């Protein structure tokens, strides 16, 4: 049986830098480890979140499994206050797309330190 835990794998050129990026926009670092000469970080929206991002060193993975680093997943994050989140990310100097309104929801995209795009959608 599946449980409610979901982990999404991301690949980064600099794991620590990627983890700090996510922390800048409000995520918490659940763990940071050195495994077999490589770094792995796990971040989540909160300590109690059931969805985590697990960040692996891209070069290490490519060296050991060249099929594992195919295109990044497309993630849409929900937000209860999309406009405030957009402003916070803007103040942090994060590359952002335009904030647009679609019906009653606001949507924008942002780019992490490795050029991966993510979407935020919400009220």
PDB file of N, CA and C in Angstrom:
ATOM      1  N   UNK A   1       0.830  -1.191   0.000  1.00  0.00           N
ATOM      2  CA  UNK A   1       0.000   0.000   0.000  1.00  0.00           C
ATOM      3  C   UNK A   1       0.871   1.250   0.000  1.00  0.00           C
ATOM      4  N   UNK A   2       0.434   2.263  -0.698  1.00  0.00           N
ATOM      5  CA  UNK A   2       1.113   3.546  -0.672  1.00  0.00           C
ATOM      6  C   UNK A   2       0.737   4.297   0.598  1.00  0.00           C
ATOM      7  N   UNK A   3       1.648   5.168   1.048  1.00  0.00           N
ATOM      8  CA  UNK A   3       1.283   6.070   2.143  1.00  0.00           C
ATOM      9  C   UNK A   3       1.244   7.482   1.575  1.00  0.00           C
ATOM     10  N   UNK A   4       1.120   8.491   2.420  1.00  0.00           N
ATOM     11  CA  UNK A   4       0.984   9.861   1.949  1.00  0.00           C
ATOM     12  C   UNK A   4       2.320  10.547   1.673  1.00  0.00           C
ATOM     13  N   UNK A   5       3.428   9.870   1.903  1.00  0.00           N
ATOM     14  CA  UNK A   5       4.754  10.449   1.678  1.00  0.00           C
ATOM     15  C   UNK A   5       5.083  10.457   0.187  1.00  0.00           C
ATOM     16  N   UNK A   6       5.474  11.624  -0.316  1.00  0.00           N
ATOM     17  CA  UNK A   6       5.913  11.752  -1.694  1.00  0.00           C
ATOM     18  C   UNK A   6       7.271  12.442  -1.681  1.00  0.00           C
ATOM     19  N   UNK A   7       8.230  11.869  -2.411  1.00  0.00           N
ATOM     20  CA  UNK A   7       9.545  12.479  -2.546  1.00  0.00           C
ATOM     21  C   UNK A   7       9.817  12.668  -4.035  1.00  0.00           C
ATOM     22  N   UNK A   8      10.235  13.874  -4.386  1.00  0.00           N
ATOM     23  CA  UNK A   8      10.523  14.209  -5.763  1.00  0.00           C
ATOM     24  C   UNK A   8      12.028  14.414  -5.877  1.00  0.00           C
ATOM     25  N   UNK A   9      12.649  13.759  -6.837  1.00  0.00           N
ATOM     26  CA  UNK A   9      14.092  13.868  -7.025  1.00  0.00           C
ATOM     27  C   UNK A   9      14.408  15.063  -7.924  1.00  0.00           C
ATOM     28  N   UNK A  10      15.351  15.874  -7.472  1.00  0.00           N
ATOM     29  CA  UNK A  10      15.904  16.961  -8.275  1.00  0.00           C
ATOM     30  C   UNK A  10      17.403  16.734  -8.382  1.00  0.00           C
ATOM     31  N   UNK A  11      17.992  17.136  -9.500  1.00  0.00           N
ATOM     32  CA  UNK A  11      19.429  17.024  -9.686  1.00  0.00           C
ATOM     33  C   UNK A  11      20.010  18.427  -9.727  1.00  0.00           C
ATOM     34  N   UNK A  12      21.121  18.637  -9.020  1.00  0.00           N
ATOM     35  CA  UNK A  12      21.731  19.963  -8.947  1.00  0.00           C
ATOM     36  C   UNK A  12      23.226  19.878  -9.191  1.00  0.00           C
ATOM     37  N   UNK A  13      23.764  20.945  -9.718  1.00  0.00           N
ATOM     38  CA  UNK A  13      25.210  21.033  -9.907  1.00  0.00           C
ATOM     39  C   UNK A  13      25.913  21.289  -8.580  1.00  0.00           C
ATOM     40  N   UNK A  14      25.228  21.947  -7.647  1.00  0.00           N
ATOM     41  CA  UNK A  14      25.759  22.250  -6.322  1.00  0.00           C
ATOM     42  C   UNK A  14      24.639  22.005  -5.320  1.00  0.00           C
ATOM     43  N   UNK A  15      24.676  20.890  -4.640  1.00  0.00           N
ATOM     44  CA  UNK A  15      23.590  20.474  -3.746  1.00  0.00           C
ATOM     45  C   UNK A  15      23.360  21.488  -2.626  1.00  0.00           C
ATOM     46  N   UNK A  16      24.423  21.962  -2.008  1.00  0.00           N
ATOM     47  CA  UNK A  16      24.275  22.919  -0.911  1.00  0.00           C
ATOM     48  C   UNK A  16      23.633  24.212  -1.402  1.00  0.00           C
ATOM     49  N   UNK A  17      24.084  24.694  -2.545  1.00  0.00           N
ATOM     50  CA  UNK A  17      23.524  25.912  -3.130  1.00  0.00           C
ATOM     51  C   UNK A  17      22.037  25.724  -3.459  1.00  0.00           C
ATOM     52  N   UNK A  18      21.687  24.571  -3.993  1.00  0.00           N
ATOM     53  CA  UNK A  18      20.292  24.282  -4.314  1.00  0.00           C
ATOM     54  C   UNK A  18      19.442  24.230  -3.049  1.00  0.00           C
ATOM     55  N   UNK A  19      19.964  23.596  -2.003  1.00  0.00           N
ATOM     56  CA  UNK A  19      19.234  23.529  -0.737  1.00  0.00           C
ATOM     57  C   UNK A  19      19.017  24.932  -0.172  1.00  0.00           C
ATOM     58  N   UNK A  20      20.040  25.764  -0.224  1.00  0.00           N
ATOM     59  CA  UNK A  20      19.912  27.142   0.268  1.00  0.00           C
ATOM     60  C   UNK A  20      18.896  27.929  -0.551  1.00  0.00           C
ATOM     61  N   UNK A  21      18.828  27.672  -1.851  1.00  0.00           N
ATOM     62  CA  UNK A  21      17.821  28.311  -2.700  1.00  0.00           C
ATOM     63  C   UNK A  21      16.416  28.014  -2.173  1.00  0.00           C
ATOM     64  N   UNK A  22      16.144  26.730  -1.948  1.00  0.00           N
ATOM     65  CA  UNK A  22      14.808  26.349  -1.475  1.00  0.00           C
ATOM     66  C   UNK A  22      14.531  26.922  -0.085  1.00  0.00           C
ATOM     67  N   UNK A  23      15.541  26.979   0.758  1.00  0.00           N
ATOM     68  CA  UNK A  23      15.366  27.568   2.089  1.00  0.00           C
ATOM     69  C   UNK A  23      15.067  29.066   1.988  1.00  0.00           C
ATOM     70  N   UNK A  24      15.647  29.734   1.001  1.00  0.00           N
ATOM     71  CA  UNK A  24      15.410  31.158   0.795  1.00  0.00           C
ATOM     72  C   UNK A  24      13.936  31.452   0.547  1.00  0.00           C
ATOM     73  N   UNK A  25      13.248  30.532  -0.102  1.00  0.00           N
ATOM     74  CA  UNK A  25      11.833  30.773  -0.410  1.00  0.00           C
ATOM     75  C   UNK A  25      10.897  30.095   0.586  1.00  0.00           C
ATOM     76  N   UNK A  26      11.429  29.695   1.750  1.00  0.00           N
ATOM     77  CA  UNK A  26      10.560  29.234   2.822  1.00  0.00           C
ATOM     78  C   UNK A  26      10.569  27.754   3.118  1.00  0.00           C
ATOM     79  N   UNK A  27      11.297  26.954   2.355  1.00  0.00           N
ATOM     80  CA  UNK A  27      11.387  25.524   2.654  1.00  0.00           C
ATOM     81  C   UNK A  27      12.321  25.316   3.840  1.00  0.00           C
ATOM     82  N   UNK A  28      12.232  24.169   4.468  1.00  0.00           N
ATOM     83  CA  UNK A  28      13.151  23.814   5.555  1.00  0.00           C
ATOM     84  C   UNK A  28      13.998  22.630   5.101  1.00  0.00           C
ATOM     85  N   UNK A  29      15.227  22.611   5.586  1.00  0.00           N
ATOM     86  CA  UNK A  29      16.103  21.492   5.257  1.00  0.00           C
ATOM     87  C   UNK A  29      15.835  20.372   6.250  1.00  0.00           C
ATOM     88  N   UNK A  30      15.390  19.242   5.754  1.00  0.00           N
ATOM     89  CA  UNK A  30      15.085  18.076   6.579  1.00  0.00           C
ATOM     90  C   UNK A  30      16.372  17.323   6.891  1.00  0.00           C
ATOM     91  N   UNK A  31      17.239  17.201   5.885  1.00  0.00           N
ATOM     92  CA  UNK A  31      18.514  16.524   6.101  1.00  0.00           C
ATOM     93  C   UNK A  31      19.529  16.975   5.056  1.00  0.00           C
ATOM     94  N   UNK A  32      20.798  16.821   5.402  1.00  0.00           N
ATOM     95  CA  UNK A  32      21.898  17.075   4.483  1.00  0.00           C
ATOM     96  C   UNK A  32      22.962  16.048   4.816  1.00  0.00           C
ATOM     97  N   UNK A  33      23.292  15.193   3.835  1.00  0.00           N
ATOM     98  CA  UNK A  33      24.218  14.092   4.103  1.00  0.00           C
ATOM     99  C   UNK A  33      25.285  13.996   3.026  1.00  0.00           C
ATOM    100  N   UNK A  34      26.384  13.386   3.399  1.00  0.00           N
ATOM    101  CA  UNK A  34      27.443  13.012   2.461  1.00  0.00           C
ATOM    102  C   UNK A  34      27.339  11.501   2.299  1.00  0.00           C
ATOM    103  N   UNK A  35      27.088  11.045   1.071  1.00  0.00           N
ATOM    104  CA  UNK A  35      26.947   9.624   0.795  1.00  0.00           C
ATOM    105  C   UNK A  35      27.870   9.226  -0.341  1.00  0.00           C
ATOM    106  N   UNK A  36      28.777   8.323  -0.091  1.00  0.00           N
ATOM    107  CA  UNK A  36      29.683   7.821  -1.123  1.00  0.00           C
ATOM    108  C   UNK A  36      30.398   8.934  -1.886  1.00  0.00           C
ATOM    109  N   UNK A  37      30.839   9.961  -1.173  1.00  0.00           N
ATOM    110  CA  UNK A  37      31.547  11.057  -1.811  1.00  0.00           C
ATOM    111  C   UNK A  37      30.659  12.070  -2.499  1.00  0.00           C
ATOM    112  N   UNK A  38      29.376  11.996  -2.272  1.00  0.00           N
ATOM    113  CA  UNK A  38      28.423  12.913  -2.883  1.00  0.00           C
ATOM    114  C   UNK A  38      27.532  13.508  -1.794  1.00  0.00           C
ATOM    115  N   UNK A  39      26.932  14.647  -2.093  1.00  0.00           N
ATOM    116  CA  UNK A  39      26.012  15.271  -1.150  1.00  0.00           C
ATOM    117  C   UNK A  39      24.569  15.009  -1.573  1.00  0.00           C
ATOM    118  N   UNK A  40      23.708  14.872  -0.561  1.00  0.00           N
ATOM    119  CA  UNK A  40      22.275  14.717  -0.794  1.00  0.00           C
ATOM    120  C   UNK A  40      21.548  15.570   0.236  1.00  0.00           C
ATOM    121  N   UNK A  41      20.642  16.417  -0.226  1.00  0.00           N
ATOM    122  CA  UNK A  41      19.840  17.242   0.679  1.00  0.00           C
ATOM    123  C   UNK A  41      18.371  16.909   0.494  1.00  0.00           C
ATOM    124  N   UNK A  42      17.637  17.007   1.573  1.00  0.00           N
ATOM    125  CA  UNK A  42      16.188  16.807   1.515  1.00  0.00           C
ATOM    126  C   UNK A  42      15.538  18.036   2.116  1.00  0.00           C
ATOM    127  N   UNK A  43      14.639  18.671   1.360  1.00  0.00           N
ATOM    128  CA  UNK A  43      13.940  19.869   1.812  1.00  0.00           C
ATOM    129  C   UNK A  43      12.440  19.649   1.676  1.00  0.00           C
ATOM    130  N   UNK A  44      11.691  20.421   2.458  1.00  0.00           N
ATOM    131  CA  UNK A  44      10.229  20.315   2.418  1.00  0.00           C
ATOM    132  C   UNK A  44       9.622  21.676   2.738  1.00  0.00           C
ATOM    133  N   UNK A  45       8.353  21.821   2.438  1.00  0.00           N
ATOM    134  CA  UNK A  45       7.660  23.074   2.696  1.00  0.00           C
ATOM    135  C   UNK A  45       7.532  23.359   4.187  1.00  0.00           C
ATOM    136  N   UNK A  46       7.544  22.305   5.005  1.00  0.00           N
ATOM    137  CA  UNK A  46       7.530  22.440   6.463  1.00  0.00           C
ATOM    138  C   UNK A  46       8.032  21.132   7.058  1.00  0.00           C
ATOM    139  N   UNK A  47       8.329  21.134   8.342  1.00  0.00           N
ATOM    140  CA  UNK A  47       8.791  19.921   9.021  1.00  0.00           C
ATOM    141  C   UNK A  47       7.766  18.788   8.916  1.00  0.00           C
ATOM    142  N   UNK A  48       6.486  19.147   8.873  1.00  0.00           N
ATOM    143  CA  UNK A  48       5.435  18.122   8.858  1.00  0.00           C
ATOM    144  C   UNK A  48       4.916  17.794   7.464  1.00  0.00           C
ATOM    145  N   UNK A  49       5.481  18.414   6.446  1.00  0.00           N
ATOM    146  CA  UNK A  49       5.034  18.178   5.073  1.00  0.00           C
ATOM    147  C   UNK A  49       5.243  16.717   4.671  1.00  0.00           C
ATOM    148  N   UNK A  50       4.315  16.195   3.917  1.00  0.00           N
ATOM    149  CA  UNK A  50       4.447  14.826   3.420  1.00  0.00           C
ATOM    150  C   UNK A  50       5.089  14.788   2.037  1.00  0.00           C
ATOM    151  N   UNK A  51       5.392  15.954   1.482  1.00  0.00           N
ATOM    152  CA  UNK A  51       6.063  16.030   0.195  1.00  0.00           C
ATOM    153  C   UNK A  51       7.447  16.634   0.398  1.00  0.00           C
ATOM    154  N   UNK A  52       8.470  15.928  -0.047  1.00  0.00           N
ATOM    155  CA  UNK A  52       9.852  16.377   0.098  1.00  0.00           C
ATOM    156  C   UNK A  52      10.533  16.416  -1.261  1.00  0.00           C
ATOM    157  N   UNK A  53      11.479  17.323  -1.402  1.00  0.00           N
ATOM    158  CA  UNK A  53      12.355  17.346  -2.559  1.00  0.00           C
ATOM    159  C   UNK A  53      13.687  16.772  -2.115  1.00  0.00           C
ATOM    160  N   UNK A  54      14.186  15.779  -2.834  1.00  0.00           N
ATOM    161  CA  UNK A  54      15.474  15.167  -2.526  1.00  0.00           C
ATOM    162  C   UNK A  54      16.433  15.605  -3.626  1.00  0.00           C
ATOM    163  N   UNK A  55      17.478  16.330  -3.225  1.00  0.00           N
ATOM    164  CA  UNK A  55      18.398  16.940  -4.185  1.00  0.00           C
ATOM    165  C   UNK A  55      19.693  16.138  -4.233  1.00  0.00           C
ATOM    166  N   UNK A  56      19.986  15.598  -5.409  1.00  0.00           N
ATOM    167  CA  UNK A  56      21.189  14.797  -5.617  1.00  0.00           C
ATOM    168  C   UNK A  56      22.186  15.566  -6.483  1.00  0.00           C
ATOM    169  N   UNK A  57      23.452  15.259  -6.315  1.00  0.00           N
ATOM    170  CA  UNK A  57      24.524  15.829  -7.110  1.00  0.00           C
ATOM    171  C   UNK A  57      24.442  15.269  -8.533  1.00  0.00           C
ATOM    172  N   UNK A  58      24.207  16.142  -9.496  1.00  0.00           N
ATOM    173  CA  UNK A  58      24.014  15.727 -10.887  1.00  0.00           C
ATOM    174  C   UNK A  58      25.230  14.966 -11.430  1.00  0.00           C
ATOM    175  N   UNK A  59      26.439  15.471 -11.187  1.00  0.00           N
ATOM    176  CA  UNK A  59      27.655  14.833 -11.722  1.00  0.00           C
ATOM    177  C   UNK A  59      27.829  13.425 -11.156  1.00  0.00           C
ATOM    178  N   UNK A  60      27.561  13.254  -9.872  1.00  0.00           N
ATOM    179  CA  UNK A  60      27.693  11.944  -9.247  1.00  0.00           C
ATOM    180  C   UNK A  60      26.700  10.959  -9.862  1.00  0.00           C
ATOM    181  N   UNK A  61      25.466  11.400 -10.045  1.00  0.00           N
ATOM    182  CA  UNK A  61      24.435  10.522 -10.609  1.00  0.00           C
ATOM    183  C   UNK A  61      24.763  10.178 -12.063  1.00  0.00           C
ATOM    184  N   UNK A  62      25.180  11.182 -12.838  1.00  0.00           N
ATOM    185  CA  UNK A  62      25.523  10.921 -14.241  1.00  0.00           C
ATOM    186  C   UNK A  62      26.675   9.928 -14.362  1.00  0.00           C
ATOM    187  N   UNK A  63      27.632  10.019 -13.449  1.00  0.00           N
ATOM    188  CA  UNK A  63      28.773   9.105 -13.458  1.00  0.00           C
ATOM    189  C   UNK A  63      28.346   7.673 -13.149  1.00  0.00           C
ATOM    190  N   UNK A  64      27.358   7.521 -12.271  1.00  0.00           N
ATOM    191  CA  UNK A  64      26.949   6.199 -11.818  1.00  0.00           C
ATOM    192  C   UNK A  64      25.701   5.650 -12.494  1.00  0.00           C
ATOM    193  N   UNK A  65      24.880   6.523 -13.096  1.00  0.00           N
ATOM    194  CA  UNK A  65      23.659   6.070 -13.764  1.00  0.00           C
ATOM    195  C   UNK A  65      23.227   7.142 -14.748  1.00  0.00           C
ATOM    196  N   UNK A  66      23.757   7.083 -15.970  1.00  0.00           N
ATOM    197  CA  UNK A  66      23.506   8.152 -16.934  1.00  0.00           C
ATOM    198  C   UNK A  66      22.064   8.249 -17.415  1.00  0.00           C
ATOM    199  N   UNK A  67      21.220   7.301 -17.097  1.00  0.00           N
ATOM    200  CA  UNK A  67      19.816   7.384 -17.492  1.00  0.00           C
ATOM    201  C   UNK A  67      18.957   8.065 -16.437  1.00  0.00           C
ATOM    202  N   UNK A  68      19.512   8.325 -15.272  1.00  0.00           N
ATOM    203  CA  UNK A  68      18.719   8.848 -14.157  1.00  0.00           C
ATOM    204  C   UNK A  68      18.462  10.339 -14.228  1.00  0.00           C
ATOM    205  N   UNK A  69      19.217  11.082 -14.999  1.00  0.00           N
ATOM    206  CA  UNK A  69      19.067  12.533 -14.979  1.00  0.00           C
ATOM    207  C   UNK A  69      18.340  13.069 -16.202  1.00  0.00           C
ATOM    208  N   UNK A  70      17.317  12.413 -16.609  1.00  0.00           N
ATOM    209  CA  UNK A  70      16.492  12.909 -17.701  1.00  0.00           C
ATOM    210  C   UNK A  70      15.834  14.220 -17.280  1.00  0.00           C
ATOM    211  N   UNK A  71      15.031  14.839 -18.124  1.00  0.00           N
ATOM    212  CA  UNK A  71      14.474  16.154 -17.819  1.00  0.00           C
ATOM    213  C   UNK A  71      13.838  16.236 -16.422  1.00  0.00           C
ATOM    214  N   UNK A  72      13.945  17.446 -15.859  1.00  0.00           N
ATOM    215  CA  UNK A  72      13.407  17.692 -14.514  1.00  0.00           C
ATOM    216  C   UNK A  72      11.894  17.505 -14.501  1.00  0.00           C
ATOM    217  N   UNK A  73      11.355  17.106 -13.386  1.00  0.00           N
ATOM    218  CA  UNK A  73       9.904  16.967 -13.281  1.00  0.00           C
ATOM    219  C   UNK A  73       9.224  18.327 -13.350  1.00  0.00           C
ATOM    220  N   UNK A  74       8.003  18.340 -13.798  1.00  0.00           N
ATOM    221  CA  UNK A  74       7.214  19.566 -13.805  1.00  0.00           C
ATOM    222  C   UNK A  74       6.412  19.597 -12.507  1.00  0.00           C
ATOM    223  N   UNK A  75       6.714  20.566 -11.663  1.00  0.00           N
ATOM    224  CA  UNK A  75       6.048  20.662 -10.374  1.00  0.00           C
ATOM    225  C   UNK A  75       5.221  21.930 -10.302  1.00  0.00           C
ATOM    226  N   UNK A  76       4.026  21.820  -9.745  1.00  0.00           N
ATOM    227  CA  UNK A  76       3.185  22.976  -9.468  1.00  0.00           C
ATOM    228  C   UNK A  76       2.989  23.026  -7.969  1.00  0.00           C
ATOM    229  N   UNK A  77       3.464  24.117  -7.349  1.00  0.00           N
ATOM    230  CA  UNK A  77       3.301  24.308  -5.913  1.00  0.00           C
ATOM    231  C   UNK A  77       2.053  25.140  -5.669  1.00  0.00           C
ATOM    232  N   UNK A  78       1.282  24.758  -4.662  1.00  0.00           N
ATOM    233  CA  UNK A  78       0.113  25.528  -4.270  1.00  0.00           C
ATOM    234  C   UNK A  78       0.512  26.597  -3.266  1.00  0.00           C
ATOM    235  N   UNK A  79      -0.235  27.690  -3.222  1.00  0.00           N
ATOM    236  CA  UNK A  79       0.030  28.765  -2.276  1.00  0.00           C
ATOM    237  C   UNK A  79      -1.288  29.380  -1.819  1.00  0.00           C
ATOM    238  N   UNK A  80      -1.360  29.696  -0.534  1.00  0.00           N
ATOM    239  CA  UNK A  80      -2.539  30.360   0.012  1.00  0.00           C
ATOM    240  C   UNK A  80      -2.463  31.865  -0.204  1.00  0.00           C
ATOM    241  N   UNK A  81      -1.247  32.384  -0.460  1.00  0.00           N
ATOM    242  CA  UNK A  81      -1.077  33.807  -0.696  1.00  0.00           C
ATOM    243  C   UNK A  81      -0.013  33.998  -1.777  1.00  0.00           C
ATOM    244  N   UNK A  82      -0.415  33.789  -2.995  1.00  0.00           N
ATOM    245  CA  UNK A  82       0.487  33.775  -4.135  1.00  0.00           C
ATOM    246  C   UNK A  82       1.173  35.130  -4.343  1.00  0.00           C
ATOM    247  N   UNK A  83       0.458  36.208  -4.139  1.00  0.00           N
ATOM    248  CA  UNK A  83       1.040  37.537  -4.368  1.00  0.00           C
ATOM    249  C   UNK A  83       2.164  37.815  -3.375  1.00  0.00           C
ATOM    250  N   UNK A  84       1.956  37.509  -2.094  1.00  0.00           N
ATOM    251  CA  UNK A  84       3.011  37.717  -1.098  1.00  0.00           C
ATOM    252  C   UNK A  84       4.223  36.832  -1.375  1.00  0.00           C
ATOM    253  N   UNK A  85       3.996  35.589  -1.790  1.00  0.00           N
ATOM    254  CA  UNK A  85       5.092  34.687  -2.118  1.00  0.00           C
ATOM    255  C   UNK A  85       5.877  35.233  -3.309  1.00  0.00           C
ATOM    256  N   UNK A  86       5.168  35.733  -4.299  1.00  0.00           N
ATOM    257  CA  UNK A  86       5.825  36.318  -5.474  1.00  0.00           C
ATOM    258  C   UNK A  86       6.726  37.481  -5.041  1.00  0.00           C
ATOM    259  N   UNK A  87       6.203  38.363  -4.184  1.00  0.00           N
ATOM    260  CA  UNK A  87       6.972  39.516  -3.700  1.00  0.00           C
ATOM    261  C   UNK A  87       8.202  39.058  -2.906  1.00  0.00           C
ATOM    262  N   UNK A  88       8.039  38.049  -2.064  1.00  0.00           N
ATOM    263  CA  UNK A  88       9.162  37.534  -1.270  1.00  0.00           C
ATOM    264  C   UNK A  88      10.263  36.995  -2.186  1.00  0.00           C
ATOM    265  N   UNK A  89       9.866  36.248  -3.204  1.00  0.00           N
ATOM    266  CA  UNK A  89      10.843  35.680  -4.130  1.00  0.00           C
ATOM    267  C   UNK A  89      11.491  36.777  -4.970  1.00  0.00           C
ATOM    268  N   UNK A  90      10.721  37.785  -5.318  1.00  0.00           N
ATOM    269  CA  UNK A  90      11.241  38.920  -6.068  1.00  0.00           C
ATOM    270  C   UNK A  90      12.305  39.653  -5.242  1.00  0.00           C
ATOM    271  N   UNK A  91      12.020  39.872  -3.962  1.00  0.00           N
ATOM    272  CA  UNK A  91      12.964  40.530  -3.056  1.00  0.00           C
ATOM    273  C   UNK A  91      14.239  39.708  -2.871  1.00  0.00           C
ATOM    274  N   UNK A  92      14.130  38.392  -2.977  1.00  0.00           N
ATOM    275  CA  UNK A  92      15.291  37.509  -2.833  1.00  0.00           C
ATOM    276  C   UNK A  92      16.115  37.428  -4.120  1.00  0.00           C
ATOM    277  N   UNK A  93      15.649  38.090  -5.182  1.00  0.00           N
ATOM    278  CA  UNK A  93      16.398  38.107  -6.432  1.00  0.00           C
ATOM    279  C   UNK A  93      16.263  36.846  -7.260  1.00  0.00           C
ATOM    280  N   UNK A  94      15.195  36.096  -7.042  1.00  0.00           N
ATOM    281  CA  UNK A  94      14.963  34.857  -7.782  1.00  0.00           C
ATOM    282  C   UNK A  94      14.363  35.181  -9.145  1.00  0.00           C
ATOM    283  N   UNK A  95      14.814  34.492 -10.178  1.00  0.00           N
ATOM    284  CA  UNK A  95      14.292  34.696 -11.527  1.00  0.00           C
ATOM    285  C   UNK A  95      12.836  34.247 -11.572  1.00  0.00           C
ATOM    286  N   UNK A  96      11.953  35.181 -11.932  1.00  0.00           N
ATOM    287  CA  UNK A  96      10.515  34.916 -11.935  1.00  0.00           C
ATOM    288  C   UNK A  96       9.901  35.233 -13.289  1.00  0.00           C
ATOM    289  N   UNK A  97       8.838  34.498 -13.600  1.00  0.00           N
ATOM    290  CA  UNK A  97       8.012  34.856 -14.741  1.00  0.00           C
ATOM    291  C   UNK A  97       6.982  35.871 -14.269  1.00  0.00           C
ATOM    292  N   UNK A  98       6.140  36.319 -15.167  1.00  0.00           N
ATOM    293  CA  UNK A  98       5.105  37.281 -14.806  1.00  0.00           C
ATOM    294  C   UNK A  98       4.060  36.644 -13.895  1.00  0.00           C
ATOM    295  N   UNK A  99       3.542  37.448 -12.982  1.00  0.00           N
ATOM    296  CA  UNK A  99       2.433  37.028 -12.137  1.00  0.00           C
ATOM    297  C   UNK A  99       1.159  37.314 -12.927  1.00  0.00           C
ATOM    298  N   UNK A 100       0.408  36.266 -13.249  1.00  0.00           N
ATOM    299  CA  UNK A 100      -0.804  36.442 -14.042  1.00  0.00           C
ATOM    300  C   UNK A 100      -1.999  35.880 -13.293  1.00  0.00           C
ATOM    301  N   UNK A 101      -3.165  36.413 -13.613  1.00  0.00           N
ATOM    302  CA  UNK A 101      -4.391  35.927 -12.996  1.00  0.00           C
ATOM    303  C   UNK A 101      -5.155  35.122 -14.029  1.00  0.00           C
ATOM    304  N   UNK A 102      -5.534  33.901 -13.622  1.00  0.00           N
ATOM    305  CA  UNK A 102      -6.334  33.023 -14.466  1.00  0.00           C
ATOM    306  C   UNK A 102      -7.573  32.672 -13.658  1.00  0.00           C
ATOM    307  N   UNK A 103      -8.688  33.262 -14.028  1.00  0.00           N
ATOM    308  CA  UNK A 103      -9.897  33.079 -13.222  1.00  0.00           C
ATOM    309  C   UNK A 103      -9.681  33.702 -11.850  1.00  0.00           C
ATOM    310  N   UNK A 104      -9.886  32.927 -10.809  1.00  0.00           N
ATOM    311  CA  UNK A 104      -9.702  33.422  -9.441  1.00  0.00           C
ATOM    312  C   UNK A 104      -8.320  33.102  -8.879  1.00  0.00           C
ATOM    313  N   UNK A 105      -7.475  32.460  -9.672  1.00  0.00           N
ATOM    314  CA  UNK A 105      -6.155  32.070  -9.192  1.00  0.00           C
ATOM    315  C   UNK A 105      -5.060  32.906  -9.840  1.00  0.00           C
ATOM    316  N   UNK A 106      -3.959  33.055  -9.084  1.00  0.00           N
ATOM    317  CA  UNK A 106      -2.757  33.698  -9.597  1.00  0.00           C
ATOM    318  C   UNK A 106      -1.726  32.619  -9.889  1.00  0.00           C
ATOM    319  N   UNK A 107      -0.945  32.837 -10.951  1.00  0.00           N
ATOM    320  CA  UNK A 107       0.040  31.848 -11.378  1.00  0.00           C
ATOM    321  C   UNK A 107       1.326  32.574 -11.768  1.00  0.00           C
ATOM    322  N   UNK A 108       2.459  31.980 -11.401  1.00  0.00           N
ATOM    323  CA  UNK A 108       3.749  32.461 -11.893  1.00  0.00           C
ATOM    324  C   UNK A 108       4.723  31.301 -11.888  1.00  0.00           C
ATOM    325  N   UNK A 109       5.830  31.465 -12.614  1.00  0.00           N
ATOM    326  CA  UNK A 109       6.863  30.437 -12.580  1.00  0.00           C
ATOM    327  C   UNK A 109       8.147  31.042 -12.029  1.00  0.00           C
ATOM    328  N   UNK A 110       9.037  30.170 -11.582  1.00  0.00           N
ATOM    329  CA  UNK A 110      10.338  30.610 -11.104  1.00  0.00           C
ATOM    330  C   UNK A 110      11.385  29.594 -11.510  1.00  0.00           C
ATOM    331  N   UNK A 111      12.637  30.029 -11.455  1.00  0.00           N
ATOM    332  CA  UNK A 111      13.754  29.209 -11.902  1.00  0.00           C
ATOM    333  C   UNK A 111      14.710  29.002 -10.739  1.00  0.00           C
ATOM    334  N   UNK A 112      15.147  27.756 -10.526  1.00  0.00           N
ATOM    335  CA  UNK A 112      16.110  27.486  -9.443  1.00  0.00           C
ATOM    336  C   UNK A 112      17.535  27.732  -9.933  1.00  0.00           C
ATOM    337  N   UNK A 113      18.496  27.436  -9.096  1.00  0.00           N
ATOM    338  CA  UNK A 113      19.902  27.712  -9.404  1.00  0.00           C
ATOM    339  C   UNK A 113      20.460  26.863 -10.545  1.00  0.00           C
ATOM    340  N   UNK A 114      19.740  25.815 -10.947  1.00  0.00           N
ATOM    341  CA  UNK A 114      20.186  24.965 -12.044  1.00  0.00           C
ATOM    342  C   UNK A 114      19.366  25.152 -13.310  1.00  0.00           C
ATOM    343  N   UNK A 115      18.523  26.183 -13.324  1.00  0.00           N
ATOM    344  CA  UNK A 115      17.743  26.490 -14.527  1.00  0.00           C
ATOM    345  C   UNK A 115      16.469  25.686 -14.680  1.00  0.00           C
ATOM    346  N   UNK A 116      16.035  24.983 -13.637  1.00  0.00           N
ATOM    347  CA  UNK A 116      14.783  24.232 -13.675  1.00  0.00           C
ATOM    348  C   UNK A 116      13.619  25.173 -13.397  1.00  0.00           C
ATOM    349  N   UNK A 117      12.538  25.016 -14.167  1.00  0.00           N
ATOM    350  CA  UNK A 117      11.354  25.846 -13.984  1.00  0.00           C
ATOM    351  C   UNK A 117      10.329  25.150 -13.115  1.00  0.00           C
ATOM    352  N   UNK A 118       9.678  25.954 -12.260  1.00  0.00           N
ATOM    353  CA  UNK A 118       8.618  25.477 -11.382  1.00  0.00           C
ATOM    354  C   UNK A 118       7.466  26.477 -11.454  1.00  0.00           C
ATOM    355  N   UNK A 119       6.270  26.012 -11.129  1.00  0.00           N
ATOM    356  CA  UNK A 119       5.081  26.864 -11.188  1.00  0.00           C
ATOM    357  C   UNK A 119       4.480  26.980  -9.804  1.00  0.00           C
ATOM    358  N   UNK A 120       3.925  28.154  -9.501  1.00  0.00           N
ATOM    359  CA  UNK A 120       3.160  28.373  -8.279  1.00  0.00           C
ATOM    360  C   UNK A 120       1.769  28.812  -8.700  1.00  0.00           C
ATOM    361  N   UNK A 121       0.764  28.230  -8.067  1.00  0.00           N
ATOM    362  CA  UNK A 121      -0.621  28.559  -8.384  1.00  0.00           C
ATOM    363  C   UNK A 121      -1.428  28.641  -7.097  1.00  0.00           C
ATOM    364  N   UNK A 122      -2.294  29.630  -7.015  1.00  0.00           N
ATOM    365  CA  UNK A 122      -3.151  29.726  -5.827  1.00  0.00           C
ATOM    366  C   UNK A 122      -3.865  31.047  -5.746  1.00  0.00           C
ATOM    367  N   UNK A 123      -4.492  31.265  -4.627  1.00  0.00           N
ATOM    368  CA  UNK A 123      -5.279  32.479  -4.377  1.00  0.00           C
ATOM    369  C   UNK A 123      -4.386  33.654  -4.081  1.00  0.00           C
TER     370      UNK A 123
END
